[in-house]
Amino acid sequence: MDPLSGADLGNFFGGGVSGYLIRRGWRSAQRARQIVIFGGVGVMLLIPTIFTVNLYLITLLFALATFSYASFSTIANVLPTTSIEAAR
């Protein structure tokens, strides 16, 4: 998987998990928080690239990090509406 494909799949994953959690009855703020935490932890996969010399492993780590970032950013785009809903 290359990093750009990872980002595309991450967008679909973030939206899909969000929809799944809504159908399961999760509140919007709780659902968004979980996906944002997942994305933040996943982006930390860039840290091991400092110590890696294997090109394939670096590519995989970047792909996973962009996957996580894309799922995070998909939900981050709708956070303002989530926070308004949570305030009601």
C-alpha atoms as a PDB file:
ATOM      1  CA  MET A   1       0.000   0.000   0.000  1.00  0.00           C
ATOM      2  CA  ASP A   2       1.409   3.375  -0.915  1.00  0.00           C
ATOM      3  CA  PRO A   3       0.799   6.442   1.301  1.00  0.00           C
ATOM      4  CA  LEU A   4      -1.711   8.069  -1.059  1.00  0.00           C
ATOM      5  CA  SER A   5      -3.836   4.924  -1.203  1.00  0.00           C
ATOM      6  CA  GLY A   6      -3.609   4.789   2.566  1.00  0.00           C
ATOM      7  CA  ALA A   7      -5.030   8.300   2.769  1.00  0.00           C
ATOM      8  CA  ASP A   8      -7.909   7.440   0.423  1.00  0.00           C
ATOM      9  CA  LEU A   9      -8.775   4.340   2.412  1.00  0.00           C
ATOM     10  CA  GLY A  10      -8.499   6.317   5.648  1.00  0.00           C
ATOM     11  CA  ASN A  11     -11.177   8.747   4.466  1.00  0.00           C
ATOM     12  CA  PHE A  12     -13.563   5.894   3.775  1.00  0.00           C
ATOM     13  CA  PHE A  13     -12.636   4.176   7.036  1.00  0.00           C
ATOM     14  CA  GLY A  14     -13.264   7.294   9.148  1.00  0.00           C
ATOM     15  CA  GLY A  15     -16.645   7.880   7.557  1.00  0.00           C
ATOM     16  CA  GLY A  16     -17.586   4.212   7.695  1.00  0.00           C
ATOM     17  CA  VAL A  17     -16.698   3.790  11.358  1.00  0.00           C
ATOM     18  CA  SER A  18     -18.510   7.022  12.162  1.00  0.00           C
ATOM     19  CA  GLY A  19     -21.666   5.784  10.442  1.00  0.00           C
ATOM     20  CA  TYR A  20     -21.388   2.406  12.151  1.00  0.00           C
ATOM     21  CA  LEU A  21     -21.087   3.997  15.595  1.00  0.00           C
ATOM     22  CA  ILE A  22     -24.056   6.274  14.902  1.00  0.00           C
ATOM     23  CA  ARG A  23     -26.171   3.236  13.983  1.00  0.00           C
ATOM     24  CA  ARG A  24     -25.044   1.588  17.237  1.00  0.00           C
ATOM     25  CA  GLY A  25     -26.442   4.556  19.157  1.00  0.00           C
ATOM     26  CA  TRP A  26     -23.255   6.408  20.109  1.00  0.00           C
ATOM     27  CA  ARG A  27     -23.578  10.123  20.788  1.00  0.00           C
ATOM     28  CA  SER A  28     -21.887  12.353  18.220  1.00  0.00           C
ATOM     29  CA  ALA A  29     -19.266  13.820  20.565  1.00  0.00           C
ATOM     30  CA  GLN A  30     -18.319  10.398  21.929  1.00  0.00           C
ATOM     31  CA  ARG A  31     -18.063   8.903  18.452  1.00  0.00           C
ATOM     32  CA  ALA A  32     -15.960  11.747  17.097  1.00  0.00           C
ATOM     33  CA  ARG A  33     -13.641  11.662  20.107  1.00  0.00           C
ATOM     34  CA  GLN A  34     -12.859   7.982  19.585  1.00  0.00           C
ATOM     35  CA  ILE A  35     -12.026   8.421  15.905  1.00  0.00           C
ATOM     36  CA  VAL A  36      -9.889  11.492  16.596  1.00  0.00           C
ATOM     37  CA  ILE A  37      -7.941   9.576  19.253  1.00  0.00           C
ATOM     38  CA  PHE A  38      -7.403   6.707  16.796  1.00  0.00           C
ATOM     39  CA  GLY A  39      -6.131   9.143  14.186  1.00  0.00           C
ATOM     40  CA  GLY A  40      -3.788  10.873  16.605  1.00  0.00           C
ATOM     41  CA  VAL A  41      -2.273   7.633  17.836  1.00  0.00           C
ATOM     42  CA  GLY A  42      -1.899   6.356  14.280  1.00  0.00           C
ATOM     43  CA  VAL A  43       0.000   9.441  13.151  1.00  0.00           C
ATOM     44  CA  MET A  44       2.563   8.632  15.833  1.00  0.00           C
ATOM     45  CA  LEU A  45       3.632   5.756  13.583  1.00  0.00           C
ATOM     46  CA  LEU A  46       5.847   8.327  11.895  1.00  0.00           C
ATOM     47  CA  ILE A  47       8.175   8.240  14.909  1.00  0.00           C
ATOM     48  CA  PRO A  48       9.682   4.801  14.106  1.00  0.00           C
ATOM     49  CA  THR A  49      10.621   6.007  10.611  1.00  0.00           C
ATOM     50  CA  ILE A  50      13.513   7.883  12.212  1.00  0.00           C
ATOM     51  CA  PHE A  51      15.116   4.594  13.222  1.00  0.00           C
ATOM     52  CA  THR A  52      14.228   2.594  10.107  1.00  0.00           C
ATOM     53  CA  VAL A  53      16.439   2.071   7.063  1.00  0.00           C
ATOM     54  CA  ASN A  54      14.233  -0.462   5.249  1.00  0.00           C
ATOM     55  CA  LEU A  55      12.454   1.387   2.427  1.00  0.00           C
ATOM     56  CA  TYR A  56       9.458  -0.975   2.434  1.00  0.00           C
ATOM     57  CA  LEU A  57       8.942  -0.562   6.169  1.00  0.00           C
ATOM     58  CA  ILE A  58       9.207   3.229   5.884  1.00  0.00           C
ATOM     59  CA  THR A  59       6.608   3.172   3.095  1.00  0.00           C
ATOM     60  CA  LEU A  60       4.298   1.003   5.204  1.00  0.00           C
ATOM     61  CA  LEU A  61       4.659   3.285   8.231  1.00  0.00           C
ATOM     62  CA  PHE A  62       3.920   6.360   6.121  1.00  0.00           C
ATOM     63  CA  ALA A  63       0.896   4.608   4.575  1.00  0.00           C
ATOM     64  CA  LEU A  64      -0.484   3.713   8.003  1.00  0.00           C
ATOM     65  CA  ALA A  65       0.168   7.233   9.293  1.00  0.00           C
ATOM     66  CA  THR A  66      -1.596   8.840   6.334  1.00  0.00           C
ATOM     67  CA  PHE A  67      -4.460   6.343   6.742  1.00  0.00           C
ATOM     68  CA  SER A  68      -4.842   7.439  10.359  1.00  0.00           C
ATOM     69  CA  TYR A  69      -4.507  11.122   9.539  1.00  0.00           C
ATOM     70  CA  ALA A  70      -7.122  10.896   6.795  1.00  0.00           C
ATOM     71  CA  SER A  71      -9.617   9.164   9.091  1.00  0.00           C
ATOM     72  CA  PHE A  72      -8.916  11.860  11.694  1.00  0.00           C
ATOM     73  CA  SER A  73      -9.352  14.709   9.220  1.00  0.00           C
ATOM     74  CA  THR A  74     -12.620  13.284   7.886  1.00  0.00           C
ATOM     75  CA  ILE A  75     -14.113  13.562  11.367  1.00  0.00           C
ATOM     76  CA  ALA A  76     -12.293  16.820  12.217  1.00  0.00           C
ATOM     77  CA  ASN A  77     -14.111  18.503   9.332  1.00  0.00           C
ATOM     78  CA  VAL A  78     -17.445  17.932  11.068  1.00  0.00           C
ATOM     79  CA  LEU A  79     -16.326  18.595  14.657  1.00  0.00           C
ATOM     80  CA  PRO A  80     -17.954  22.063  14.803  1.00  0.00           C
ATOM     81  CA  THR A  81     -21.370  20.555  14.090  1.00  0.00           C
ATOM     82  CA  THR A  82     -20.699  17.799  16.606  1.00  0.00           C
ATOM     83  CA  SER A  83     -19.876  20.293  19.333  1.00  0.00           C
ATOM     84  CA  ILE A  84     -23.050  22.298  18.613  1.00  0.00           C
ATOM     85  CA  GLU A  85     -25.108  19.114  18.830  1.00  0.00           C
ATOM     86  CA  ALA A  86     -23.420  18.145  22.109  1.00  0.00           C
ATOM     87  CA  ALA A  87     -24.192  21.566  23.638  1.00  0.00           C
ATOM     88  CA  ARG A  88     -27.942  21.125  23.170  1.00  0.00           C
END
